[in-house]
Amino acid sequence: MTLTLVAERGAADGGRVVGTDDAALLRALHDEHAGALWSYVVGLTNGDRAQAQDVVQETLLRAWRNPQVLVQATGSARGWLFTVAKRIVIDEWRTARSRRERVTDAPPEVAVDDAVDRELDRQLVSAAMQSLSAEHRAVLYECYFRGSSVAQAAATLGIPPGTVKSRTHYALRALRLALDEMGGAS
């Protein structure tokens, strides 16, 4: 089935191609125009073959969605395809230009980690720790500040390892809640 016959059938259906004709139209579009269109678009995209392939795909998709333009009384289908492809490239270029990075000789200011931030964090965590129960503070102190393992913390605190695990879980949850209430670090 040739492109013209499929396109005429699509135009007779109000511009909508249905059924197995969809695949035939797309295949015919690709076979008749994709090679020339791709060569043209590679030049428009400064040799970017991946972008050219995307543009050709979008162009053929637009032609497939509007088969009535392929059977025009004046002009050719290939001319319409080339025009659509050129407009897609221009649109992409305009979009990229508006998002382009700005080059400068002076880099932006970089945040410096200073002692003030560390001190504020230390005070915030200390205040949040004071809001915890004595058992929760003890287990966090052993596991996080002293670096003890669960077994070592259990031996030091005189409680079973399972209790160390559950207290640690609930203590961290309570600490997070306290920090959130104080508006602290996330």
C-alpha atoms as a PDB file:
ATOM      1  CA  MET A   1       0.000   0.000   0.000  1.00  0.00           C
ATOM      2  CA  THR A   2       1.538   3.303  -0.981  1.00  0.00           C
ATOM      3  CA  LEU A   3       1.627   6.437   1.110  1.00  0.00           C
ATOM      4  CA  THR A   4      -0.823   8.214  -1.159  1.00  0.00           C
ATOM      5  CA  LEU A   5      -3.472   5.506  -0.927  1.00  0.00           C
ATOM      6  CA  VAL A   6      -3.196   5.255   2.861  1.00  0.00           C
ATOM      7  CA  ALA A   7      -3.237   9.019   3.262  1.00  0.00           C
ATOM      8  CA  GLU A   8      -6.299   9.344   0.996  1.00  0.00           C
ATOM      9  CA  ARG A   9      -8.094   6.692   3.026  1.00  0.00           C
ATOM     10  CA  GLY A  10      -7.197   8.606   6.185  1.00  0.00           C
ATOM     11  CA  ALA A  11      -8.397  11.892   4.692  1.00  0.00           C
ATOM     12  CA  ALA A  12     -11.680  10.272   3.649  1.00  0.00           C
ATOM     13  CA  ASP A  13     -12.187   9.164   7.272  1.00  0.00           C
ATOM     14  CA  GLY A  14     -12.001  12.768   8.459  1.00  0.00           C
ATOM     15  CA  GLY A  15      -8.251  12.776   8.890  1.00  0.00           C
ATOM     16  CA  ARG A  16      -8.229   9.835  11.277  1.00  0.00           C
ATOM     17  CA  VAL A  17      -6.567   6.578  10.278  1.00  0.00           C
ATOM     18  CA  VAL A  18      -7.680   3.521  12.204  1.00  0.00           C
ATOM     19  CA  GLY A  19      -6.855  -0.172  12.381  1.00  0.00           C
ATOM     20  CA  THR A  20      -4.030  -1.808  10.468  1.00  0.00           C
ATOM     21  CA  ASP A  21      -3.723   1.271   8.254  1.00  0.00           C
ATOM     22  CA  ASP A  22      -1.938   3.018  11.160  1.00  0.00           C
ATOM     23  CA  ALA A  23       1.088   0.779  10.884  1.00  0.00           C
ATOM     24  CA  ALA A  24       1.018   0.903   7.084  1.00  0.00           C
ATOM     25  CA  LEU A  25       0.900   4.705   7.019  1.00  0.00           C
ATOM     26  CA  LEU A  26       3.722   5.040   9.504  1.00  0.00           C
ATOM     27  CA  ARG A  27       5.813   2.466   7.645  1.00  0.00           C
ATOM     28  CA  ALA A  28       5.152   4.201   4.314  1.00  0.00           C
ATOM     29  CA  LEU A  29       6.050   7.604   5.784  1.00  0.00           C
ATOM     30  CA  HIS A  30       9.265   6.219   7.162  1.00  0.00           C
ATOM     31  CA  ASP A  31      10.250   4.342   4.006  1.00  0.00           C
ATOM     32  CA  GLU A  32       9.612   7.248   1.657  1.00  0.00           C
ATOM     33  CA  HIS A  33      10.886  10.201   3.686  1.00  0.00           C
ATOM     34  CA  ALA A  34      12.926   9.264   6.773  1.00  0.00           C
ATOM     35  CA  GLY A  35      16.324   9.027   5.071  1.00  0.00           C
ATOM     36  CA  ALA A  36      16.154  12.395   3.322  1.00  0.00           C
ATOM     37  CA  LEU A  37      14.535  14.034   6.331  1.00  0.00           C
ATOM     38  CA  TRP A  38      17.206  12.692   8.688  1.00  0.00           C
ATOM     39  CA  SER A  39      20.030  13.943   6.449  1.00  0.00           C
ATOM     40  CA  TYR A  40      18.431  17.378   6.352  1.00  0.00           C
ATOM     41  CA  VAL A  41      17.887  17.515  10.129  1.00  0.00           C
ATOM     42  CA  VAL A  42      21.460  16.381  10.930  1.00  0.00           C
ATOM     43  CA  GLY A  43      22.607  19.558   9.216  1.00  0.00           C
ATOM     44  CA  LEU A  44      20.106  21.654  11.163  1.00  0.00           C
ATOM     45  CA  THR A  45      21.278  20.196  14.475  1.00  0.00           C
ATOM     46  CA  ASN A  46      24.988  20.765  13.788  1.00  0.00           C
ATOM     47  CA  GLY A  47      25.665  17.054  13.418  1.00  0.00           C
ATOM     48  CA  ASP A  48      23.827  15.918  16.559  1.00  0.00           C
ATOM     49  CA  ARG A  49      22.589  12.556  15.278  1.00  0.00           C
ATOM     50  CA  ALA A  50      20.588  11.678  18.397  1.00  0.00           C
ATOM     51  CA  GLN A  51      18.699  14.961  18.330  1.00  0.00           C
ATOM     52  CA  ALA A  52      18.157  14.554  14.578  1.00  0.00           C
ATOM     53  CA  GLN A  53      16.628  11.126  15.148  1.00  0.00           C
ATOM     54  CA  ASP A  54      14.271  12.589  17.770  1.00  0.00           C
ATOM     55  CA  VAL A  55      13.236  15.398  15.408  1.00  0.00           C
ATOM     56  CA  VAL A  56      12.579  12.977  12.537  1.00  0.00           C
ATOM     57  CA  GLN A  57      10.515  10.764  14.826  1.00  0.00           C
ATOM     58  CA  GLU A  58       8.441  13.732  16.024  1.00  0.00           C
ATOM     59  CA  THR A  59       7.983  14.967  12.437  1.00  0.00           C
ATOM     60  CA  LEU A  60       6.766  11.588  11.206  1.00  0.00           C
ATOM     61  CA  LEU A  61       4.472  11.299  14.209  1.00  0.00           C
ATOM     62  CA  ARG A  62       2.901  14.662  13.399  1.00  0.00           C
ATOM     63  CA  ALA A  63       2.398  13.593   9.778  1.00  0.00           C
ATOM     64  CA  TRP A  64       0.848  10.321  10.945  1.00  0.00           C
ATOM     65  CA  ARG A  65      -1.565  12.242  13.188  1.00  0.00           C
ATOM     66  CA  ASN A  66      -2.548  14.540  10.276  1.00  0.00           C
ATOM     67  CA  PRO A  67      -2.631  12.357   7.137  1.00  0.00           C
ATOM     68  CA  GLN A  68      -4.740  14.916   5.250  1.00  0.00           C
ATOM     69  CA  VAL A  69      -1.699  17.185   4.858  1.00  0.00           C
ATOM     70  CA  LEU A  70       0.036  14.455   2.893  1.00  0.00           C
ATOM     71  CA  VAL A  71      -2.487  14.633   0.036  1.00  0.00           C
ATOM     72  CA  GLN A  72      -2.470  18.371  -0.588  1.00  0.00           C
ATOM     73  CA  ALA A  73      -3.511  19.800  -3.924  1.00  0.00           C
ATOM     74  CA  THR A  74      -0.467  22.080  -3.952  1.00  0.00           C
ATOM     75  CA  GLY A  75       3.006  21.393  -2.637  1.00  0.00           C
ATOM     76  CA  SER A  76       4.496  18.089  -1.690  1.00  0.00           C
ATOM     77  CA  ALA A  77       4.345  15.951   1.408  1.00  0.00           C
ATOM     78  CA  ARG A  78       8.142  16.033   1.661  1.00  0.00           C
ATOM     79  CA  GLY A  79       8.123  19.853   1.677  1.00  0.00           C
ATOM     80  CA  TRP A  80       5.611  19.827   4.519  1.00  0.00           C
ATOM     81  CA  LEU A  81       7.748  17.328   6.457  1.00  0.00           C
ATOM     82  CA  PHE A  82      10.904  19.425   5.990  1.00  0.00           C
ATOM     83  CA  THR A  83       9.076  22.550   7.171  1.00  0.00           C
ATOM     84  CA  VAL A  84       7.748  20.782  10.263  1.00  0.00           C
ATOM     85  CA  ALA A  85      11.197  19.394  11.055  1.00  0.00           C
ATOM     86  CA  LYS A  86      12.789  22.829  10.723  1.00  0.00           C
ATOM     87  CA  ARG A  87      10.191  24.335  13.059  1.00  0.00           C
ATOM     88  CA  ILE A  88      10.782  21.602  15.636  1.00  0.00           C
ATOM     89  CA  VAL A  89      14.531  22.287  15.568  1.00  0.00           C
ATOM     90  CA  ILE A  90      13.914  26.035  15.935  1.00  0.00           C
ATOM     91  CA  ASP A  91      11.542  25.453  18.864  1.00  0.00           C
ATOM     92  CA  GLU A  92      14.108  23.233  20.589  1.00  0.00           C
ATOM     93  CA  TRP A  93      16.825  25.810  19.984  1.00  0.00           C
ATOM     94  CA  ARG A  94      14.684  28.586  21.486  1.00  0.00           C
ATOM     95  CA  THR A  95      13.836  26.456  24.503  1.00  0.00           C
ATOM     96  CA  ALA A  96      17.491  25.526  25.047  1.00  0.00           C
ATOM     97  CA  ARG A  97      18.550  29.170  24.700  1.00  0.00           C
ATOM     98  CA  SER A  98      16.201  30.228  27.481  1.00  0.00           C
ATOM     99  CA  ARG A  99      17.664  27.531  29.789  1.00  0.00           C
ATOM    100  CA  ARG A 100      21.286  28.026  28.819  1.00  0.00           C
ATOM    101  CA  GLU A 101      23.870  28.246  31.585  1.00  0.00           C
ATOM    102  CA  ARG A 102      25.506  31.590  32.078  1.00  0.00           C
ATOM    103  CA  VAL A 103      29.301  31.630  31.891  1.00  0.00           C
ATOM    104  CA  THR A 104      31.119  33.926  34.291  1.00  0.00           C
ATOM    105  CA  ASP A 105      34.686  34.503  35.381  1.00  0.00           C
ATOM    106  CA  ALA A 106      33.701  34.764  39.065  1.00  0.00           C
ATOM    107  CA  PRO A 107      32.213  31.636  40.643  1.00  0.00           C
ATOM    108  CA  PRO A 108      29.226  32.126  42.954  1.00  0.00           C
ATOM    109  CA  GLU A 109      29.816  32.331  46.651  1.00  0.00           C
ATOM    110  CA  VAL A 110      30.336  28.951  48.242  1.00  0.00           C
ATOM    111  CA  ALA A 111      28.863  28.216  51.654  1.00  0.00           C
ATOM    112  CA  VAL A 112      31.589  27.871  54.247  1.00  0.00           C
ATOM    113  CA  ASP A 113      31.229  25.439  57.114  1.00  0.00           C
ATOM    114  CA  ASP A 114      32.090  27.462  60.167  1.00  0.00           C
ATOM    115  CA  ALA A 115      32.135  26.945  63.913  1.00  0.00           C
ATOM    116  CA  VAL A 116      28.902  28.888  64.438  1.00  0.00           C
ATOM    117  CA  ASP A 117      26.806  26.318  62.538  1.00  0.00           C
ATOM    118  CA  ARG A 118      28.401  23.432  64.413  1.00  0.00           C
ATOM    119  CA  GLU A 119      27.834  25.156  67.761  1.00  0.00           C
ATOM    120  CA  LEU A 120      24.181  25.889  66.980  1.00  0.00           C
ATOM    121  CA  ASP A 121      23.624  22.270  65.930  1.00  0.00           C
ATOM    122  CA  ARG A 122      25.343  21.048  69.105  1.00  0.00           C
ATOM    123  CA  GLN A 123      23.145  23.240  71.317  1.00  0.00           C
ATOM    124  CA  LEU A 124      20.000  22.200  69.468  1.00  0.00           C
ATOM    125  CA  VAL A 125      20.760  18.488  69.821  1.00  0.00           C
ATOM    126  CA  SER A 126      21.710  18.978  73.474  1.00  0.00           C
ATOM    127  CA  ALA A 127      18.394  20.709  74.210  1.00  0.00           C
ATOM    128  CA  ALA A 128      16.471  18.004  72.352  1.00  0.00           C
ATOM    129  CA  MET A 129      18.345  15.282  74.273  1.00  0.00           C
ATOM    130  CA  GLN A 130      17.277  16.907  77.569  1.00  0.00           C
ATOM    131  CA  SER A 131      13.636  16.475  76.557  1.00  0.00           C
ATOM    132  CA  LEU A 132      14.086  12.670  76.351  1.00  0.00           C
ATOM    133  CA  SER A 133      13.577  10.229  79.219  1.00  0.00           C
ATOM    134  CA  ALA A 134      16.653   9.151  81.196  1.00  0.00           C
ATOM    135  CA  GLU A 135      16.510   5.642  79.637  1.00  0.00           C
ATOM    136  CA  HIS A 136      16.397   7.027  76.106  1.00  0.00           C
ATOM    137  CA  ARG A 137      19.236   9.473  76.786  1.00  0.00           C
ATOM    138  CA  ALA A 138      21.373   6.682  78.252  1.00  0.00           C
ATOM    139  CA  VAL A 139      20.921   4.333  75.297  1.00  0.00           C
ATOM    140  CA  LEU A 140      21.626   7.108  72.749  1.00  0.00           C
ATOM    141  CA  TYR A 141      24.684   8.201  74.703  1.00  0.00           C
ATOM    142  CA  GLU A 142      26.076   4.661  74.705  1.00  0.00           C
ATOM    143  CA  CYS A 143      25.256   3.761  71.095  1.00  0.00           C
ATOM    144  CA  TYR A 144      25.866   7.047  69.314  1.00  0.00           C
ATOM    145  CA  PHE A 145      28.135   9.240  71.406  1.00  0.00           C
ATOM    146  CA  ARG A 146      30.388   6.514  72.823  1.00  0.00           C
ATOM    147  CA  GLY A 147      30.094   4.282  69.732  1.00  0.00           C
ATOM    148  CA  SER A 148      29.228   1.127  71.658  1.00  0.00           C
ATOM    149  CA  SER A 149      27.771  -1.892  69.922  1.00  0.00           C
ATOM    150  CA  VAL A 150      24.382  -3.217  71.001  1.00  0.00           C
ATOM    151  CA  ALA A 151      26.065  -5.933  73.101  1.00  0.00           C
ATOM    152  CA  GLN A 152      28.450  -3.443  74.740  1.00  0.00           C
ATOM    153  CA  ALA A 153      25.608  -0.993  75.475  1.00  0.00           C
ATOM    154  CA  ALA A 154      23.520  -3.829  76.935  1.00  0.00           C
ATOM    155  CA  ALA A 155      26.386  -4.838  79.238  1.00  0.00           C
ATOM    156  CA  THR A 156      27.080  -1.241  80.306  1.00  0.00           C
ATOM    157  CA  LEU A 157      23.432  -0.412  80.955  1.00  0.00           C
ATOM    158  CA  GLY A 158      22.584  -3.838  82.449  1.00  0.00           C
ATOM    159  CA  ILE A 159      19.674  -4.508  80.097  1.00  0.00           C
ATOM    160  CA  PRO A 160      19.063  -7.160  77.396  1.00  0.00           C
ATOM    161  CA  PRO A 161      20.257  -6.437  73.823  1.00  0.00           C
ATOM    162  CA  GLY A 162      16.663  -6.479  72.521  1.00  0.00           C
ATOM    163  CA  THR A 163      15.784  -3.723  74.972  1.00  0.00           C
ATOM    164  CA  VAL A 164      18.760  -1.664  73.738  1.00  0.00           C
ATOM    165  CA  LYS A 165      17.467  -2.012  70.184  1.00  0.00           C
ATOM    166  CA  SER A 166      13.889  -1.033  70.978  1.00  0.00           C
ATOM    167  CA  ARG A 167      14.913   1.864  73.239  1.00  0.00           C
ATOM    168  CA  THR A 168      17.282   3.116  70.551  1.00  0.00           C
ATOM    169  CA  HIS A 169      14.482   3.003  68.002  1.00  0.00           C
ATOM    170  CA  TYR A 170      12.032   4.904  70.185  1.00  0.00           C
ATOM    171  CA  ALA A 171      14.696   7.301  71.453  1.00  0.00           C
ATOM    172  CA  LEU A 172      15.663   8.294  67.910  1.00  0.00           C
ATOM    173  CA  ARG A 173      12.009   8.774  67.058  1.00  0.00           C
ATOM    174  CA  ALA A 174      11.484  10.979  70.114  1.00  0.00           C
ATOM    175  CA  LEU A 175      14.677  12.912  69.337  1.00  0.00           C
ATOM    176  CA  ARG A 176      13.498  13.565  65.770  1.00  0.00           C
ATOM    177  CA  LEU A 177      10.131  14.779  67.092  1.00  0.00           C
ATOM    178  CA  ALA A 178      11.858  17.071  69.602  1.00  0.00           C
ATOM    179  CA  LEU A 179      14.147  18.504  66.926  1.00  0.00           C
ATOM    180  CA  ASP A 180      11.174  19.106  64.622  1.00  0.00           C
ATOM    181  CA  GLU A 181       9.277  20.879  67.407  1.00  0.00           C
ATOM    182  CA  MET A 182      12.296  23.114  68.028  1.00  0.00           C
ATOM    183  CA  GLY A 183      12.520  23.909  64.325  1.00  0.00           C
ATOM    184  CA  GLY A 184      15.894  22.271  64.120  1.00  0.00           C
ATOM    185  CA  ALA A 185      17.906  20.358  61.557  1.00  0.00           C
ATOM    186  CA  SER A 186      16.046  18.042  59.203  1.00  0.00           C
END
